[in-house]
């Protein structure tokens, strides 16, 4: 099960609740659940009603979740998150969020008052960088104390690590900016710090080259309307550095013997961009030869496509995201050939149990034509 932000931590402590435990336990047959993004510190916070992993109360809340998943026979990783410039002054009493440089990502931040345009952040000082690297390590330690089976570093999408990697949002002149090696330094310092607290076989990373639509990825307003067009705009549109940067990073990740790389396929139209040949299965065809560890493929996956990617040797596992929202028993449905339920977009980003824990499991008998899911 891929990580899915669902905005159900609407409490002052920003901690998971019994509702989270019920939700994840319902989906324990996934085998491995990658939990929703969890901010590593108050400075990392930047999406309304999402849970953190920096306080004792949050650790207790997550322990309730992991216990529930383990009691159903599942495994669960925590995803470690810093939103960087995707945050908003509303989260910091008017102060600016921080990032590599003062470049507005040109997106929208999901604030308690709704979506608002992002702003130009303040550039991080060396002390900010050192503190943030330490915070990733502390959050990883907290995750293991909370009973997670491992952690995944969120280095994808538009968030802080990606803001350092991207030559359009990182204009620094010090050892964290300029060359590909310098812009990737922050990521590898974080990785090495996390590995001081968690063994490599329990650490994964989510990363890949992104060409981002002009609205926050995956977000839809509470009324369920369309989040925005698929038009590519802003500093996160792919540039000449995007692909070689990612080739360098993913190749170097082999040095750490990590548990997995979660690689997302195209999330926007790559036509006419430097990533054009990565459309469709091109993403996995390109990066599979570069990464020697366990590769998990994600985005627009179906049972048929997932089995094809595994058979072709382009992926070792398949992560399903949105199908798990409305189908808590997704593997059982795949195995039986049962139908998939549709999700209700009005309740994807909302509060309370409706559209969260009330999707029923399929109760029909397996069909005669069922086959095993890989």
Protein backbone atom coordinates (compact mmCIF):
# COMPACT_ATOMS: atom_id res chain seq x y z
CA UNK A 1 0.00 0.00 0.00
CA UNK A 2 1.50 3.30 -1.12
CA UNK A 3 1.56 6.31 1.23
CA UNK A 4 -1.69 8.27 1.13
CA UNK A 5 -2.26 11.56 2.93
CA UNK A 6 -5.82 11.57 4.28
CA UNK A 7 -5.98 14.57 6.69
CA UNK A 8 -7.52 12.75 9.67
CA UNK A 9 -5.14 14.05 12.38
CA UNK A 10 -7.24 17.12 13.25
CA UNK A 11 -6.11 17.45 16.86
CA UNK A 12 -3.80 19.89 18.68
CA UNK A 13 -1.07 17.27 19.13
CA UNK A 14 -1.14 16.29 15.44
CA UNK A 15 -1.14 12.65 16.54
CA UNK A 16 -2.71 9.55 15.01
CA UNK A 17 -5.88 8.35 16.69
CA UNK A 18 -7.93 5.17 17.07
CA UNK A 19 -9.49 6.06 13.73
CA UNK A 20 -6.09 5.78 12.05
CA UNK A 21 -5.56 2.40 13.73
CA UNK A 22 -8.86 1.12 12.38
CA UNK A 23 -8.14 2.43 8.88
CA UNK A 24 -4.70 0.85 8.57
CA UNK A 25 -5.73 -2.42 10.23
CA UNK A 26 -8.47 -2.79 7.63
CA UNK A 27 -5.73 -2.72 4.98
CA UNK A 28 -3.21 -4.99 6.71
CA UNK A 29 -3.52 -7.66 4.00
CA UNK A 30 -1.44 -5.34 1.80
CA UNK A 31 1.58 -7.13 3.29
CA UNK A 32 3.57 -3.90 3.56
CA UNK A 33 1.89 -0.57 4.23
CA UNK A 34 3.87 2.62 3.69
CA UNK A 35 2.18 5.02 6.08
CA UNK A 36 1.04 8.49 5.16
CA UNK A 37 3.62 11.28 5.27
CA UNK A 38 4.59 12.18 8.84
CA UNK A 39 6.37 15.47 9.47
CA UNK A 40 9.69 15.13 11.28
CA UNK A 41 9.43 18.35 13.33
CA UNK A 42 7.23 21.40 13.88
CA UNK A 43 9.39 23.26 11.33
CA UNK A 44 8.61 20.57 8.78
CA UNK A 45 4.84 20.93 9.10
CA UNK A 46 3.02 22.06 6.00
CA UNK A 47 -0.18 20.14 5.25
CA UNK A 48 -3.26 20.62 7.40
CA UNK A 49 -4.43 17.81 9.70
CA UNK A 50 -1.51 15.48 9.01
CA UNK A 51 0.29 13.55 11.78
CA UNK A 52 3.85 14.09 12.93
CA UNK A 53 6.63 11.96 14.40
CA UNK A 54 8.46 14.35 16.71
CA UNK A 55 6.57 14.18 20.03
CA UNK A 56 5.94 11.53 22.66
CA UNK A 57 2.19 11.85 22.07
CA UNK A 58 2.63 11.18 18.37
CA UNK A 59 4.79 8.14 19.10
CA UNK A 60 2.05 6.79 21.40
CA UNK A 61 -0.55 7.42 18.70
CA UNK A 62 1.49 5.63 16.07
CA UNK A 63 2.10 2.72 18.45
CA UNK A 64 -1.66 2.16 18.49
CA UNK A 65 -1.62 2.08 14.71
CA UNK A 66 1.31 -0.31 14.32
CA UNK A 67 -0.04 -2.64 17.00
CA UNK A 68 -3.36 -2.83 15.14
CA UNK A 69 -1.60 -3.60 11.84
CA UNK A 70 0.66 -6.22 13.41
CA UNK A 71 -2.30 -7.88 15.11
CA UNK A 72 -3.77 -8.40 11.63
CA UNK A 73 -0.51 -9.85 10.31
CA UNK A 74 0.68 -6.81 8.36
CA UNK A 75 3.89 -4.77 8.25
CA UNK A 76 4.15 -0.98 8.23
CA UNK A 77 6.81 1.61 7.43
CA UNK A 78 6.69 5.26 8.47
CA UNK A 79 7.28 7.90 5.82
CA UNK A 80 9.50 10.78 7.00
CA UNK A 81 8.50 14.16 5.60
CA UNK A 82 9.60 17.78 5.52
CA UNK A 83 7.43 20.02 3.35
CA UNK A 84 9.89 22.92 3.05
CA UNK A 85 8.63 25.64 0.71
CA UNK A 86 5.37 23.77 0.18
CA UNK A 87 4.37 24.92 3.66
CA UNK A 88 2.86 28.34 4.35
CA UNK A 89 3.21 31.20 6.87
CA UNK A 90 -0.19 30.19 8.28
CA UNK A 91 1.54 27.24 9.95
CA UNK A 92 4.20 29.43 11.59
CA UNK A 93 2.30 32.46 12.94
CA UNK A 94 3.22 34.44 9.85
CA UNK A 95 6.89 33.42 9.63
CA UNK A 96 8.18 32.12 6.33
CA UNK A 97 8.70 28.41 5.71
CA UNK A 98 12.26 27.42 4.88
CA UNK A 99 13.93 25.84 1.87
CA UNK A 100 17.20 25.66 -0.03
CA UNK A 101 16.71 29.16 -1.51
CA UNK A 102 14.08 31.89 -1.62
CA UNK A 103 12.36 30.49 -4.72
CA UNK A 104 8.58 30.25 -4.67
CA UNK A 105 7.69 26.75 -5.93
CA UNK A 106 4.62 28.22 -7.59
CA UNK A 107 2.23 25.65 -6.16
CA UNK A 108 -0.51 25.59 -3.54
CA UNK A 109 -0.20 24.81 0.15
CA UNK A 110 -2.96 22.90 1.94
CA UNK A 111 -3.57 25.12 4.98
CA UNK A 112 -6.22 24.83 7.72
CA UNK A 113 -8.17 27.55 5.88
CA UNK A 114 -7.93 25.77 2.53
CA UNK A 115 -5.50 25.87 -0.38
CA UNK A 116 -3.38 29.00 -0.62
CA UNK A 117 -0.60 30.01 -3.02
CA UNK A 118 2.88 29.19 -1.80
CA UNK A 119 5.27 32.03 -1.02
CA UNK A 120 8.99 32.60 -1.44
CA UNK A 121 10.57 30.80 1.56
CA UNK A 122 13.57 31.88 3.58
CA UNK A 123 16.86 30.20 2.64
CA UNK A 124 18.08 27.73 5.23
CA UNK A 125 21.22 28.57 7.16
CA UNK A 126 23.90 25.97 7.78
CA UNK A 127 22.50 25.56 11.28
CA UNK A 128 19.01 25.01 9.83
CA UNK A 129 20.39 22.31 7.57
CA UNK A 130 22.27 20.58 10.39
CA UNK A 131 19.21 20.73 12.64
CA UNK A 132 16.98 19.30 9.92
CA UNK A 133 19.34 16.41 9.24
CA UNK A 134 19.32 15.62 12.97
CA UNK A 135 15.52 15.86 13.02
CA UNK A 136 15.26 13.20 10.32
CA UNK A 137 17.36 10.90 12.50
CA UNK A 138 15.27 11.60 15.60
CA UNK A 139 12.05 10.97 13.66
CA UNK A 140 13.46 7.66 12.40
CA UNK A 141 14.32 6.67 15.97
CA UNK A 142 10.82 7.69 17.06
CA UNK A 143 9.32 5.58 14.29
CA UNK A 144 11.06 2.46 15.54
CA UNK A 145 9.97 3.23 19.11
CA UNK A 146 6.43 3.53 17.75
CA UNK A 147 6.62 -0.03 16.45
CA UNK A 148 7.11 0.59 12.75
CA UNK A 149 8.93 -2.14 10.84
CA UNK A 150 11.01 0.44 9.01
CA UNK A 151 11.03 3.95 7.58
CA UNK A 152 10.85 5.51 4.14
CA UNK A 153 12.49 8.86 3.39
CA UNK A 154 10.18 11.10 1.35
CA UNK A 155 12.53 12.64 -1.21
CA UNK A 156 10.00 12.93 -4.00
CA UNK A 157 7.38 15.37 -5.21
CA UNK A 158 7.84 19.05 -4.36
CA UNK A 159 9.05 18.74 -0.79
CA UNK A 160 12.23 19.86 0.95
CA UNK A 161 14.70 17.23 -0.26
CA UNK A 162 13.43 17.67 -3.83
CA UNK A 163 13.78 21.44 -3.41
CA UNK A 164 17.49 20.93 -2.67
CA UNK A 165 17.94 18.54 -5.61
CA UNK A 166 16.21 20.79 -8.14
CA UNK A 167 18.56 23.29 -9.80
CA UNK A 168 15.64 25.68 -10.32
CA UNK A 169 14.75 25.88 -6.61
CA UNK A 170 18.29 25.52 -5.23
CA UNK A 171 20.34 28.63 -6.07
CA UNK A 172 22.83 28.23 -3.22
CA UNK A 173 26.51 29.07 -3.68
CA UNK A 174 27.81 26.91 -0.82
CA UNK A 175 28.47 23.16 -0.59
CA UNK A 176 24.72 22.46 -0.81
CA UNK A 177 24.22 24.17 -4.17
CA UNK A 178 25.62 24.37 -7.66
CA UNK A 179 26.71 20.96 -8.91
CA UNK A 180 24.64 17.79 -8.85
CA UNK A 181 26.89 16.39 -6.13
CA UNK A 182 26.39 19.47 -3.96
CA UNK A 183 22.63 19.60 -4.43
CA UNK A 184 22.37 15.91 -3.49
CA UNK A 185 24.53 16.37 -0.38
CA UNK A 186 21.52 17.15 1.84
CA UNK A 187 19.76 13.92 0.82
CA UNK A 188 22.75 11.73 1.53
CA UNK A 189 23.45 13.41 4.87
CA UNK A 190 19.85 12.64 5.82
CA UNK A 191 20.14 9.06 4.60
CA UNK A 192 23.33 8.46 6.56
CA UNK A 193 21.83 9.98 9.70
CA UNK A 194 18.70 7.84 9.45
CA UNK A 195 20.94 4.78 9.06
CA UNK A 196 22.52 5.60 12.43
CA UNK A 197 19.15 4.74 14.00
CA UNK A 198 17.66 2.14 11.64
CA UNK A 199 19.41 -0.74 9.90
CA UNK A 200 19.67 -0.47 6.09
CA UNK A 201 17.31 -3.38 5.49
CA UNK A 202 14.55 -1.38 7.14
CA UNK A 203 15.14 1.94 5.34
CA UNK A 204 13.55 2.80 2.01
CA UNK A 205 13.41 5.92 -0.09
CA UNK A 206 10.77 7.42 -2.34
CA UNK A 207 12.38 9.41 -5.11
CA UNK A 208 12.26 9.97 -8.85
CA UNK A 209 12.32 12.69 -11.51
CA UNK A 210 9.18 14.77 -11.42
CA UNK A 211 7.48 17.02 -13.94
CA UNK A 212 4.75 18.55 -11.82
CA UNK A 213 1.30 19.88 -12.72
CA UNK A 214 0.55 23.40 -11.55
CA UNK A 215 -1.46 22.25 -8.51
CA UNK A 216 -0.49 20.34 -5.40
CA UNK A 217 -0.04 16.66 -6.36
CA UNK A 218 -2.88 14.40 -5.46
CA UNK A 219 -4.89 17.10 -3.71
CA UNK A 220 -8.52 17.82 -4.33
CA UNK A 221 -10.62 20.32 -2.41
CA UNK A 222 -12.97 19.08 0.29
CA UNK A 223 -15.91 19.54 -2.10
CA UNK A 224 -14.39 16.94 -4.42
CA UNK A 225 -13.93 19.24 -7.39
CA UNK A 226 -10.95 19.00 -9.70
CA UNK A 227 -7.67 20.06 -8.12
CA UNK A 228 -6.47 21.89 -11.18
CA UNK A 229 -5.22 21.42 -14.70
CA UNK A 230 -2.39 19.14 -15.76
CA UNK A 231 -0.51 22.08 -17.26
CA UNK A 232 3.19 22.04 -16.40
CA UNK A 233 4.44 25.28 -14.90
CA UNK A 234 6.79 26.77 -12.37
CA UNK A 235 10.30 25.85 -11.21
CA UNK A 236 9.45 22.16 -10.78
CA UNK A 237 8.86 21.61 -14.47
CA UNK A 238 11.60 19.29 -15.72
CA UNK A 239 14.77 21.01 -16.90
CA UNK A 240 18.05 19.89 -18.45
CA UNK A 241 19.40 18.83 -15.03
CA UNK A 242 16.40 16.77 -13.93
CA UNK A 243 17.25 13.44 -15.52
CA UNK A 244 21.05 13.41 -15.01
CA UNK A 245 20.55 14.53 -11.40
CA UNK A 246 18.25 11.59 -10.74
CA UNK A 247 20.50 9.13 -12.54
CA UNK A 248 23.34 10.20 -10.23
CA UNK A 249 21.22 9.96 -7.08
CA UNK A 250 19.62 6.60 -7.82
CA UNK A 251 22.94 5.06 -8.85
CA UNK A 252 24.61 6.27 -5.67
CA UNK A 253 21.77 4.90 -3.52
CA UNK A 254 23.14 1.44 -4.34
CA UNK A 255 25.97 2.16 -1.89
CA UNK A 256 23.59 1.98 1.08
CA UNK A 257 21.94 -1.45 0.58
CA UNK A 258 18.54 0.01 1.36
CA UNK A 259 15.34 -1.98 1.76
CA UNK A 260 13.73 -0.47 -1.32
CA UNK A 261 13.38 2.34 -3.79
CA UNK A 262 9.79 3.41 -4.41
CA UNK A 263 9.81 4.86 -7.92
CA UNK A 264 6.79 6.71 -9.21
CA UNK A 265 5.84 6.64 -12.85
CA UNK A 266 4.74 9.72 -14.78
CA UNK A 267 2.27 11.87 -12.85
CA UNK A 268 1.84 14.42 -15.63
CA UNK A 269 2.08 14.66 -19.38
CA UNK A 270 5.78 14.43 -20.27
CA UNK A 271 5.23 15.31 -23.93
CA UNK A 272 7.81 17.82 -25.14
CA UNK A 273 9.74 17.76 -21.85
CA UNK A 274 13.22 16.38 -21.08
CA UNK A 275 11.43 13.39 -19.53
CA UNK A 276 9.39 12.50 -22.60
CA UNK A 277 10.89 9.03 -22.97
CA UNK A 278 9.94 8.21 -19.36
CA UNK A 279 6.22 8.18 -20.12
CA UNK A 280 4.29 4.97 -19.54
CA UNK A 281 6.62 2.17 -18.48
CA UNK A 282 9.60 4.23 -19.65
CA UNK A 283 10.34 5.35 -16.09
CA UNK A 284 10.92 1.79 -14.95
CA UNK A 285 12.73 0.75 -18.13
CA UNK A 286 15.17 3.62 -17.61
CA UNK A 287 15.91 3.29 -13.89
CA UNK A 288 15.67 -0.48 -13.33
CA UNK A 289 19.18 -1.07 -14.74
CA UNK A 290 20.58 1.69 -12.50
CA UNK A 291 19.18 0.49 -9.16
CA UNK A 292 20.31 -2.95 -7.99
CA UNK A 293 18.06 -3.26 -4.95
CA UNK A 294 14.35 -3.90 -4.46
CA UNK A 295 12.39 -1.57 -6.75
CA UNK A 296 8.73 -0.79 -6.02
CA UNK A 297 6.72 0.65 -8.92
CA UNK A 298 3.87 3.08 -8.26
CA UNK A 299 1.34 5.35 -10.06
CA UNK A 300 -1.58 4.28 -12.26
CA UNK A 301 -1.05 0.63 -11.40
CA UNK A 302 -3.56 -2.09 -12.19
CA UNK A 303 -3.35 -5.80 -11.43
CA UNK A 304 -2.50 -6.50 -15.08
CA UNK A 305 0.13 -3.78 -15.37
CA UNK A 306 1.73 -4.72 -12.07
CA UNK A 307 2.08 -8.36 -13.04
CA UNK A 308 3.53 -7.29 -16.39
CA UNK A 309 6.18 -5.08 -14.76
CA UNK A 310 7.21 -7.87 -12.41
CA UNK A 311 7.32 -10.49 -15.17
CA UNK A 312 9.38 -8.14 -17.35
CA UNK A 313 11.87 -7.63 -14.53
CA UNK A 314 11.14 -3.89 -14.34
CA UNK A 315 9.93 -4.00 -10.73
CA UNK A 316 10.10 -6.31 -7.72
CA UNK A 317 6.92 -5.12 -6.03
CA UNK A 318 3.95 -2.96 -6.94
CA UNK A 319 2.53 -0.21 -4.72
CA UNK A 320 -1.15 0.61 -5.07
CA UNK A 321 -2.40 3.92 -3.72
CA UNK A 322 -5.86 5.22 -4.56
CA UNK A 323 -7.37 1.74 -5.09
CA UNK A 324 -6.74 1.05 -1.39
CA UNK A 325 -8.93 3.96 -0.33
CA UNK A 326 -12.18 2.31 -1.43
CA UNK A 327 -10.92 -1.29 -1.39
CA UNK A 328 -9.45 -2.16 2.01
CA UNK A 329 -9.23 -5.81 0.87
CA UNK A 330 -7.55 -5.04 -2.45
CA UNK A 331 -5.34 -8.19 -2.58
CA UNK A 332 -8.35 -10.40 -1.94
CA UNK A 333 -10.25 -8.68 -4.74
CA UNK A 334 -7.31 -9.16 -7.09
CA UNK A 335 -7.00 -12.83 -6.17
CA UNK A 336 -10.71 -13.53 -6.61
CA UNK A 337 -11.20 -11.43 -9.72
CA UNK A 338 -13.72 -9.33 -7.80
CA UNK A 339 -14.78 -5.83 -8.83
CA UNK A 340 -13.08 -2.72 -7.48
CA UNK A 341 -15.15 -0.10 -5.70
CA UNK A 342 -14.83 3.56 -6.67
CA UNK A 343 -13.62 6.13 -4.16
CA UNK A 344 -15.63 9.16 -3.12
CA UNK A 345 -13.43 12.19 -3.82
CA UNK A 346 -15.43 14.38 -1.46
CA UNK A 347 -14.14 12.36 1.49
CA UNK A 348 -10.54 11.68 0.42
CA UNK A 349 -9.22 14.82 2.14
CA UNK A 350 -11.69 15.36 4.95
CA UNK A 351 -12.23 14.51 8.61
CA UNK A 352 -13.97 11.75 10.52
CA UNK A 353 -14.84 8.16 9.60
CA UNK A 354 -16.96 8.82 6.50
CA UNK A 355 -15.04 7.78 3.40
CA UNK A 356 -12.20 6.57 5.62
CA UNK A 357 -13.14 3.40 7.50
CA UNK A 358 -16.61 2.71 6.08
CA UNK A 359 -15.70 1.15 2.73
CA UNK A 360 -16.85 -2.50 2.96
CA UNK A 361 -14.81 -5.56 2.12
CA UNK A 362 -15.91 -7.77 -0.76
CA UNK A 363 -17.95 -10.69 0.57
CA UNK A 364 -18.54 -12.65 -2.64
CA UNK A 365 -17.02 -16.10 -3.22
CA UNK A 366 -13.85 -16.33 -5.36
CA UNK A 367 -14.56 -16.66 -9.05
CA UNK A 368 -13.68 -19.79 -11.01
CA UNK A 369 -11.27 -17.76 -13.14
CA UNK A 370 -9.28 -16.34 -10.27
CA UNK A 371 -5.50 -16.37 -10.46
CA UNK A 372 -2.84 -15.59 -7.90
CA UNK A 373 -1.61 -12.05 -7.54
CA UNK A 374 2.15 -11.72 -7.87
